[in-house]
């Protein structure tokens, strides 16, 4: 049985100096894509920000999403890591 698109997820981790607009910028980068935000967690400590966003997306869009995220990270001086996972449903 083939897995559905919702079985494929990407965990996006952003790290940077804490400043306004990073959440909104990430939402803007992701907005052109057909995906679902499953969870977002934000930690701000001593002037640093760690933002984790878990999305369900079409595996065919991964390269385009990653390209846009890396461009955003470079422009905004963010460290970005992306981890992909495909559920092996029952």
PDB file of N, CA and C in Angstrom:
ATOM      1  N   UNK A   1       0.843  -1.178   0.000  1.00  0.00           N
ATOM      2  CA  UNK A   1       0.000   0.000   0.000  1.00  0.00           C
ATOM      3  C   UNK A   1       0.887   1.239   0.000  1.00  0.00           C
ATOM      4  N   UNK A   2       0.630   2.164  -0.910  1.00  0.00           N
ATOM      5  CA  UNK A   2       1.412   3.397  -0.980  1.00  0.00           C
ATOM      6  C   UNK A   2       1.010   4.331   0.143  1.00  0.00           C
ATOM      7  N   UNK A   3       1.987   5.063   0.641  1.00  0.00           N
ATOM      8  CA  UNK A   3       1.688   5.992   1.721  1.00  0.00           C
ATOM      9  C   UNK A   3       1.051   7.261   1.159  1.00  0.00           C
ATOM     10  N   UNK A   4       0.222   7.896   1.951  1.00  0.00           N
ATOM     11  CA  UNK A   4      -0.389   9.158   1.545  1.00  0.00           C
ATOM     12  C   UNK A   4       0.593  10.288   1.797  1.00  0.00           C
ATOM     13  N   UNK A   5       0.310  11.442   1.182  1.00  0.00           N
ATOM     14  CA  UNK A   5       1.182  12.604   1.364  1.00  0.00           C
ATOM     15  C   UNK A   5       1.309  12.982   2.825  1.00  0.00           C
ATOM     16  N   UNK A   6       0.232  12.800   3.621  1.00  0.00           N
ATOM     17  CA  UNK A   6       0.280  13.200   5.018  1.00  0.00           C
ATOM     18  C   UNK A   6       1.200  12.311   5.840  1.00  0.00           C
ATOM     19  N   UNK A   7       1.639  11.174   5.286  1.00  0.00           N
ATOM     20  CA  UNK A   7       2.578  10.307   5.976  1.00  0.00           C
ATOM     21  C   UNK A   7       4.015  10.799   5.848  1.00  0.00           C
ATOM     22  N   UNK A   8       4.254  11.736   4.961  1.00  0.00           N
ATOM     23  CA  UNK A   8       5.589  12.275   4.756  1.00  0.00           C
ATOM     24  C   UNK A   8       5.671  13.598   5.504  1.00  0.00           C
ATOM     25  N   UNK A   9       6.649  13.703   6.410  1.00  0.00           N
ATOM     26  CA  UNK A   9       6.783  14.925   7.199  1.00  0.00           C
ATOM     27  C   UNK A   9       8.191  15.484   7.101  1.00  0.00           C
ATOM     28  N   UNK A  10       8.271  16.766   7.379  1.00  0.00           N
ATOM     29  CA  UNK A  10       9.556  17.446   7.448  1.00  0.00           C
ATOM     30  C   UNK A  10       9.574  18.256   8.737  1.00  0.00           C
ATOM     31  N   UNK A  11      10.634  18.100   9.506  1.00  0.00           N
ATOM     32  CA  UNK A  11      10.847  18.894  10.700  1.00  0.00           C
ATOM     33  C   UNK A  11      11.836  19.990  10.340  1.00  0.00           C
ATOM     34  N   UNK A  12      11.390  21.228  10.447  1.00  0.00           N
ATOM     35  CA  UNK A  12      12.210  22.392  10.118  1.00  0.00           C
ATOM     36  C   UNK A  12      12.664  23.027  11.431  1.00  0.00           C
ATOM     37  N   UNK A  13      13.965  23.132  11.618  1.00  0.00           N
ATOM     38  CA  UNK A  13      14.533  23.752  12.816  1.00  0.00           C
ATOM     39  C   UNK A  13      15.283  25.013  12.417  1.00  0.00           C
ATOM     40  N   UNK A  14      14.884  26.136  13.001  1.00  0.00           N
ATOM     41  CA  UNK A  14      15.547  27.415  12.757  1.00  0.00           C
ATOM     42  C   UNK A  14      16.195  27.870  14.046  1.00  0.00           C
ATOM     43  N   UNK A  15      17.380  28.435  13.955  1.00  0.00           N
ATOM     44  CA  UNK A  15      18.077  28.969  15.119  1.00  0.00           C
ATOM     45  C   UNK A  15      18.724  30.289  14.722  1.00  0.00           C
ATOM     46  N   UNK A  16      18.612  31.275  15.609  1.00  0.00           N
ATOM     47  CA  UNK A  16      19.211  32.574  15.323  1.00  0.00           C
ATOM     48  C   UNK A  16      19.150  33.442  16.565  1.00  0.00           C
ATOM     49  N   UNK A  17      19.655  34.650  16.428  1.00  0.00           N
ATOM     50  CA  UNK A  17      19.407  35.663  17.449  1.00  0.00           C
ATOM     51  C   UNK A  17      17.905  35.928  17.439  1.00  0.00           C
ATOM     52  N   UNK A  18      17.333  36.098  18.615  1.00  0.00           N
ATOM     53  CA  UNK A  18      15.895  36.330  18.703  1.00  0.00           C
ATOM     54  C   UNK A  18      15.572  37.740  18.229  1.00  0.00           C
ATOM     55  N   UNK A  19      14.683  37.827  17.264  1.00  0.00           N
ATOM     56  CA  UNK A  19      14.238  39.125  16.756  1.00  0.00           C
ATOM     57  C   UNK A  19      12.852  38.951  16.131  1.00  0.00           C
ATOM     58  N   UNK A  20      12.107  40.032  16.012  1.00  0.00           N
ATOM     59  CA  UNK A  20      10.755  39.939  15.467  1.00  0.00           C
ATOM     60  C   UNK A  20      10.759  39.532  13.995  1.00  0.00           C
ATOM     61  N   UNK A  21       9.687  38.867  13.583  1.00  0.00           N
ATOM     62  CA  UNK A  21       9.453  38.597  12.175  1.00  0.00           C
ATOM     63  C   UNK A  21       9.894  37.249  11.655  1.00  0.00           C
ATOM     64  N   UNK A  22      10.596  36.467  12.443  1.00  0.00           N
ATOM     65  CA  UNK A  22      11.084  35.184  11.936  1.00  0.00           C
ATOM     66  C   UNK A  22       9.917  34.221  11.704  1.00  0.00           C
ATOM     67  N   UNK A  23       8.984  34.150  12.646  1.00  0.00           N
ATOM     68  CA  UNK A  23       7.819  33.267  12.491  1.00  0.00           C
ATOM     69  C   UNK A  23       7.043  33.629  11.220  1.00  0.00           C
ATOM     70  N   UNK A  24       6.793  34.926  11.049  1.00  0.00           N
ATOM     71  CA  UNK A  24       6.037  35.392   9.891  1.00  0.00           C
ATOM     72  C   UNK A  24       6.795  35.118   8.594  1.00  0.00           C
ATOM     73  N   UNK A  25       8.102  35.298   8.633  1.00  0.00           N
ATOM     74  CA  UNK A  25       8.919  35.020   7.455  1.00  0.00           C
ATOM     75  C   UNK A  25       8.858  33.555   7.057  1.00  0.00           C
ATOM     76  N   UNK A  26       8.909  32.674   8.038  1.00  0.00           N
ATOM     77  CA  UNK A  26       8.810  31.239   7.750  1.00  0.00           C
ATOM     78  C   UNK A  26       7.448  30.921   7.147  1.00  0.00           C
ATOM     79  N   UNK A  27       6.386  31.478   7.717  1.00  0.00           N
ATOM     80  CA  UNK A  27       5.038  31.247   7.184  1.00  0.00           C
ATOM     81  C   UNK A  27       4.936  31.722   5.734  1.00  0.00           C
ATOM     82  N   UNK A  28       5.559  32.840   5.446  1.00  0.00           N
ATOM     83  CA  UNK A  28       5.538  33.379   4.080  1.00  0.00           C
ATOM     84  C   UNK A  28       6.279  32.457   3.116  1.00  0.00           C
ATOM     85  N   UNK A  29       7.418  31.933   3.550  1.00  0.00           N
ATOM     86  CA  UNK A  29       8.195  31.015   2.700  1.00  0.00           C
ATOM     87  C   UNK A  29       7.395  29.750   2.396  1.00  0.00           C
ATOM     88  N   UNK A  30       6.665  29.251   3.383  1.00  0.00           N
ATOM     89  CA  UNK A  30       5.917  28.005   3.203  1.00  0.00           C
ATOM     90  C   UNK A  30       4.572  28.195   2.495  1.00  0.00           C
ATOM     91  N   UNK A  31       4.062  29.420   2.446  1.00  0.00           N
ATOM     92  CA  UNK A  31       2.706  29.670   1.943  1.00  0.00           C
ATOM     93  C   UNK A  31       2.443  29.229   0.501  1.00  0.00           C
ATOM     94  N   UNK A  32       3.403  29.261  -0.421  1.00  0.00           N
ATOM     95  CA  UNK A  32       3.093  28.829  -1.790  1.00  0.00           C
ATOM     96  C   UNK A  32       2.887  27.316  -1.937  1.00  0.00           C
ATOM     97  N   UNK A  33       3.245  26.552  -0.924  1.00  0.00           N
ATOM     98  CA  UNK A  33       3.229  25.105  -1.037  1.00  0.00           C
ATOM     99  C   UNK A  33       1.971  24.496  -0.428  1.00  0.00           C
ATOM    100  N   UNK A  34       1.563  23.382  -0.996  1.00  0.00           N
ATOM    101  CA  UNK A  34       0.442  22.623  -0.454  1.00  0.00           C
ATOM    102  C   UNK A  34       0.998  21.736   0.659  1.00  0.00           C
ATOM    103  N   UNK A  35       0.810  22.187   1.897  1.00  0.00           N
ATOM    104  CA  UNK A  35       1.313  21.444   3.045  1.00  0.00           C
ATOM    105  C   UNK A  35       0.436  21.746   4.245  1.00  0.00           C
ATOM    106  N   UNK A  36       0.657  21.000   5.306  1.00  0.00           N
ATOM    107  CA  UNK A  36      -0.099  21.207   6.538  1.00  0.00           C
ATOM    108  C   UNK A  36       0.896  21.362   7.679  1.00  0.00           C
ATOM    109  N   UNK A  37       0.773  22.454   8.431  1.00  0.00           N
ATOM    110  CA  UNK A  37       1.602  22.640   9.615  1.00  0.00           C
ATOM    111  C   UNK A  37       0.992  21.797  10.728  1.00  0.00           C
ATOM    112  N   UNK A  38       1.750  20.818  11.215  1.00  0.00           N
ATOM    113  CA  UNK A  38       1.264  19.906  12.246  1.00  0.00           C
ATOM    114  C   UNK A  38       1.538  20.421  13.648  1.00  0.00           C
ATOM    115  N   UNK A  39       2.684  21.078  13.821  1.00  0.00           N
ATOM    116  CA  UNK A  39       3.057  21.564  15.149  1.00  0.00           C
ATOM    117  C   UNK A  39       4.169  22.593  15.014  1.00  0.00           C
ATOM    118  N   UNK A  40       4.146  23.569  15.895  1.00  0.00           N
ATOM    119  CA  UNK A  40       5.214  24.560  15.974  1.00  0.00           C
ATOM    120  C   UNK A  40       5.564  24.769  17.441  1.00  0.00           C
ATOM    121  N   UNK A  41       6.847  24.792  17.730  1.00  0.00           N
ATOM    122  CA  UNK A  41       7.344  25.061  19.081  1.00  0.00           C
ATOM    123  C   UNK A  41       8.414  26.130  18.980  1.00  0.00           C
ATOM    124  N   UNK A  42       8.400  27.040  19.934  1.00  0.00           N
ATOM    125  CA  UNK A  42       9.349  28.151  19.924  1.00  0.00           C
ATOM    126  C   UNK A  42       9.996  28.261  21.301  1.00  0.00           C
ATOM    127  N   UNK A  43      11.312  28.395  21.301  1.00  0.00           N
ATOM    128  CA  UNK A  43      12.061  28.600  22.537  1.00  0.00           C
ATOM    129  C   UNK A  43      12.893  29.865  22.349  1.00  0.00           C
ATOM    130  N   UNK A  44      12.757  30.785  23.274  1.00  0.00           N
ATOM    131  CA  UNK A  44      13.580  31.996  23.266  1.00  0.00           C
ATOM    132  C   UNK A  44      14.281  32.073  24.618  1.00  0.00           C
ATOM    133  N   UNK A  45      15.603  31.972  24.598  1.00  0.00           N
ATOM    134  CA  UNK A  45      16.414  32.010  25.809  1.00  0.00           C
ATOM    135  C   UNK A  45      17.615  32.913  25.583  1.00  0.00           C
ATOM    136  N   UNK A  46      17.843  33.810  26.513  1.00  0.00           N
ATOM    137  CA  UNK A  46      19.024  34.664  26.511  1.00  0.00           C
ATOM    138  C   UNK A  46      19.353  35.237  25.131  1.00  0.00           C
ATOM    139  N   UNK A  47      18.318  35.743  24.484  1.00  0.00           N
ATOM    140  CA  UNK A  47      18.520  36.409  23.209  1.00  0.00           C
ATOM    141  C   UNK A  47      18.667  35.498  22.009  1.00  0.00           C
ATOM    142  N   UNK A  48      18.480  34.192  22.208  1.00  0.00           N
ATOM    143  CA  UNK A  48      18.554  33.229  21.107  1.00  0.00           C
ATOM    144  C   UNK A  48      17.170  32.645  20.860  1.00  0.00           C
ATOM    145  N   UNK A  49      16.916  32.259  19.625  1.00  0.00           N
ATOM    146  CA  UNK A  49      15.642  31.677  19.236  1.00  0.00           C
ATOM    147  C   UNK A  49      15.876  30.302  18.612  1.00  0.00           C
ATOM    148  N   UNK A  50      15.074  29.351  19.027  1.00  0.00           N
ATOM    149  CA  UNK A  50      14.997  28.051  18.358  1.00  0.00           C
ATOM    150  C   UNK A  50      13.534  27.857  18.001  1.00  0.00           C
ATOM    151  N   UNK A  51      13.264  27.678  16.723  1.00  0.00           N
ATOM    152  CA  UNK A  51      11.906  27.511  16.237  1.00  0.00           C
ATOM    153  C   UNK A  51      11.823  26.182  15.508  1.00  0.00           C
ATOM    154  N   UNK A  52      10.936  25.324  15.961  1.00  0.00           N
ATOM    155  CA  UNK A  52      10.725  24.033  15.318  1.00  0.00           C
ATOM    156  C   UNK A  52       9.333  23.970  14.730  1.00  0.00           C
ATOM    157  N   UNK A  53       9.241  23.584  13.467  1.00  0.00           N
ATOM    158  CA  UNK A  53       7.957  23.463  12.791  1.00  0.00           C
ATOM    159  C   UNK A  53       7.907  22.116  12.084  1.00  0.00           C
ATOM    160  N   UNK A  54       6.880  21.342  12.390  1.00  0.00           N
ATOM    161  CA  UNK A  54       6.670  20.044  11.761  1.00  0.00           C
ATOM    162  C   UNK A  54       5.576  20.197  10.717  1.00  0.00           C
ATOM    163  N   UNK A  55       5.882  19.810   9.479  1.00  0.00           N
ATOM    164  CA  UNK A  55       4.904  19.915   8.398  1.00  0.00           C
ATOM    165  C   UNK A  55       4.677  18.553   7.747  1.00  0.00           C
ATOM    166  N   UNK A  56       3.478  18.358   7.236  1.00  0.00           N
ATOM    167  CA  UNK A  56       3.172  17.228   6.363  1.00  0.00           C
ATOM    168  C   UNK A  56       3.137  17.801   4.950  1.00  0.00           C
ATOM    169  N   UNK A  57       3.847  17.159   4.042  1.00  0.00           N
ATOM    170  CA  UNK A  57       3.931  17.710   2.689  1.00  0.00           C
ATOM    171  C   UNK A  57       4.054  16.593   1.659  1.00  0.00           C
ATOM    172  N   UNK A  58       3.913  16.979   0.415  1.00  0.00           N
ATOM    173  CA  UNK A  58       4.090  16.072  -0.712  1.00  0.00           C
ATOM    174  C   UNK A  58       5.593  15.878  -0.918  1.00  0.00           C
ATOM    175  N   UNK A  59       6.085  14.646  -0.919  1.00  0.00           N
ATOM    176  CA  UNK A  59       7.525  14.425  -1.116  1.00  0.00           C
ATOM    177  C   UNK A  59       8.060  15.039  -2.413  1.00  0.00           C
ATOM    178  N   UNK A  60       7.186  15.203  -3.399  1.00  0.00           N
ATOM    179  CA  UNK A  60       7.611  15.792  -4.670  1.00  0.00           C
ATOM    180  C   UNK A  60       7.971  17.271  -4.530  1.00  0.00           C
ATOM    181  N   UNK A  61       7.531  17.911  -3.459  1.00  0.00           N
ATOM    182  CA  UNK A  61       7.800  19.337  -3.251  1.00  0.00           C
ATOM    183  C   UNK A  61       9.017  19.606  -2.373  1.00  0.00           C
ATOM    184  N   UNK A  62       9.633  18.560  -1.859  1.00  0.00           N
ATOM    185  CA  UNK A  62      10.707  18.706  -0.876  1.00  0.00           C
ATOM    186  C   UNK A  62      11.862  19.566  -1.387  1.00  0.00           C
ATOM    187  N   UNK A  63      12.322  19.347  -2.584  1.00  0.00           N
ATOM    188  CA  UNK A  63      13.466  20.117  -3.084  1.00  0.00           C
ATOM    189  C   UNK A  63      13.134  21.593  -3.215  1.00  0.00           C
ATOM    190  N   UNK A  64      11.939  21.917  -3.679  1.00  0.00           N
ATOM    191  CA  UNK A  64      11.535  23.321  -3.811  1.00  0.00           C
ATOM    192  C   UNK A  64      11.381  23.972  -2.445  1.00  0.00           C
ATOM    193  N   UNK A  65      10.780  23.264  -1.500  1.00  0.00           N
ATOM    194  CA  UNK A  65      10.624  23.793  -0.144  1.00  0.00           C
ATOM    195  C   UNK A  65      11.999  24.039   0.474  1.00  0.00           C
ATOM    196  N   UNK A  66      12.870  23.053   0.345  1.00  0.00           N
ATOM    197  CA  UNK A  66      14.211  23.175   0.922  1.00  0.00           C
ATOM    198  C   UNK A  66      14.984  24.336   0.292  1.00  0.00           C
ATOM    199  N   UNK A  67      14.884  24.486  -1.003  1.00  0.00           N
ATOM    200  CA  UNK A  67      15.574  25.584  -1.687  1.00  0.00           C
ATOM    201  C   UNK A  67      15.096  26.936  -1.155  1.00  0.00           C
ATOM    202  N   UNK A  68      13.785  27.091  -1.020  1.00  0.00           N
ATOM    203  CA  UNK A  68      13.236  28.354  -0.509  1.00  0.00           C
ATOM    204  C   UNK A  68      13.619  28.588   0.949  1.00  0.00           C
ATOM    205  N   UNK A  69      13.630  27.531   1.761  1.00  0.00           N
ATOM    206  CA  UNK A  69      14.022  27.665   3.166  1.00  0.00           C
ATOM    207  C   UNK A  69      15.481  28.067   3.301  1.00  0.00           C
ATOM    208  N   UNK A  70      16.355  27.454   2.516  1.00  0.00           N
ATOM    209  CA  UNK A  70      17.776  27.780   2.593  1.00  0.00           C
ATOM    210  C   UNK A  70      18.055  29.207   2.123  1.00  0.00           C
ATOM    211  N   UNK A  71      17.316  29.664   1.116  1.00  0.00           N
ATOM    212  CA  UNK A  71      17.447  31.054   0.658  1.00  0.00           C
ATOM    213  C   UNK A  71      16.994  32.002   1.775  1.00  0.00           C
ATOM    214  N   UNK A  72      15.869  31.702   2.389  1.00  0.00           N
ATOM    215  CA  UNK A  72      15.351  32.497   3.507  1.00  0.00           C
ATOM    216  C   UNK A  72      16.376  32.531   4.645  1.00  0.00           C
ATOM    217  N   UNK A  73      16.937  31.381   4.969  1.00  0.00           N
ATOM    218  CA  UNK A  73      17.929  31.298   6.036  1.00  0.00           C
ATOM    219  C   UNK A  73      19.161  32.138   5.740  1.00  0.00           C
ATOM    220  N   UNK A  74      19.617  32.104   4.513  1.00  0.00           N
ATOM    221  CA  UNK A  74      20.786  32.890   4.124  1.00  0.00           C
ATOM    222  C   UNK A  74      20.484  34.388   4.211  1.00  0.00           C
ATOM    223  N   UNK A  75      19.330  34.790   3.717  1.00  0.00           N
ATOM    224  CA  UNK A  75      18.954  36.206   3.728  1.00  0.00           C
ATOM    225  C   UNK A  75      18.758  36.735   5.152  1.00  0.00           C
ATOM    226  N   UNK A  76      18.243  35.885   6.053  1.00  0.00           N
ATOM    227  CA  UNK A  76      17.912  36.314   7.411  1.00  0.00           C
ATOM    228  C   UNK A  76      18.964  35.912   8.446  1.00  0.00           C
ATOM    229  N   UNK A  77      20.065  35.333   7.996  1.00  0.00           N
ATOM    230  CA  UNK A  77      21.143  34.868   8.879  1.00  0.00           C
ATOM    231  C   UNK A  77      20.629  33.887   9.930  1.00  0.00           C
ATOM    232  N   UNK A  78      19.942  32.853   9.442  1.00  0.00           N
ATOM    233  CA  UNK A  78      19.391  31.793  10.283  1.00  0.00           C
ATOM    234  C   UNK A  78      20.146  30.498  10.024  1.00  0.00           C
ATOM    235  N   UNK A  79      20.322  29.709  11.069  1.00  0.00           N
ATOM    236  CA  UNK A  79      20.795  28.336  10.886  1.00  0.00           C
ATOM    237  C   UNK A  79      19.549  27.491  10.682  1.00  0.00           C
ATOM    238  N   UNK A  80      19.554  26.680   9.633  1.00  0.00           N
ATOM    239  CA  UNK A  80      18.386  25.866   9.313  1.00  0.00           C
ATOM    240  C   UNK A  80      18.804  24.409   9.166  1.00  0.00           C
ATOM    241  N   UNK A  81      18.009  23.531   9.774  1.00  0.00           N
ATOM    242  CA  UNK A  81      18.168  22.083   9.592  1.00  0.00           C
ATOM    243  C   UNK A  81      16.794  21.532   9.231  1.00  0.00           C
ATOM    244  N   UNK A  82      16.780  20.544   8.346  1.00  0.00           N
ATOM    245  CA  UNK A  82      15.526  19.926   7.928  1.00  0.00           C
ATOM    246  C   UNK A  82      15.704  18.420   8.023  1.00  0.00           C
ATOM    247  N   UNK A  83      14.755  17.771   8.681  1.00  0.00           N
ATOM    248  CA  UNK A  83      14.778  16.326   8.852  1.00  0.00           C
ATOM    249  C   UNK A  83      13.488  15.759   8.285  1.00  0.00           C
ATOM    250  N   UNK A  84      13.611  14.790   7.388  1.00  0.00           N
ATOM    251  CA  UNK A  84      12.454  14.202   6.723  1.00  0.00           C
ATOM    252  C   UNK A  84      12.147  12.823   7.299  1.00  0.00           C
ATOM    253  N   UNK A  85      10.863  12.467   7.283  1.00  0.00           N
ATOM    254  CA  UNK A  85      10.463  11.155   7.762  1.00  0.00           C
ATOM    255  C   UNK A  85       9.226  10.693   7.003  1.00  0.00           C
ATOM    256  N   UNK A  86       9.201   9.416   6.702  1.00  0.00           N
ATOM    257  CA  UNK A  86       8.025   8.827   6.074  1.00  0.00           C
ATOM    258  C   UNK A  86       7.505   7.717   6.988  1.00  0.00           C
ATOM    259  N   UNK A  87       6.274   7.887   7.417  1.00  0.00           N
ATOM    260  CA  UNK A  87       5.651   6.905   8.296  1.00  0.00           C
ATOM    261  C   UNK A  87       5.435   5.603   7.537  1.00  0.00           C
ATOM    262  N   UNK A  88       5.667   4.510   8.197  1.00  0.00           N
ATOM    263  CA  UNK A  88       5.427   3.193   7.611  1.00  0.00           C
ATOM    264  C   UNK A  88       4.130   2.628   8.209  1.00  0.00           C
ATOM    265  N   UNK A  89       2.999   3.229   7.837  1.00  0.00           N
ATOM    266  CA  UNK A  89       1.703   2.865   8.416  1.00  0.00           C
ATOM    267  C   UNK A  89       1.428   1.387   8.431  1.00  0.00           C
ATOM    268  N   UNK A  90       0.441   0.971   9.254  1.00  0.00           N
ATOM    269  CA  UNK A  90       0.121  -0.459   9.408  1.00  0.00           C
ATOM    270  C   UNK A  90      -0.662  -0.971   8.255  1.00  0.00           C
TER     271      UNK A  90
END
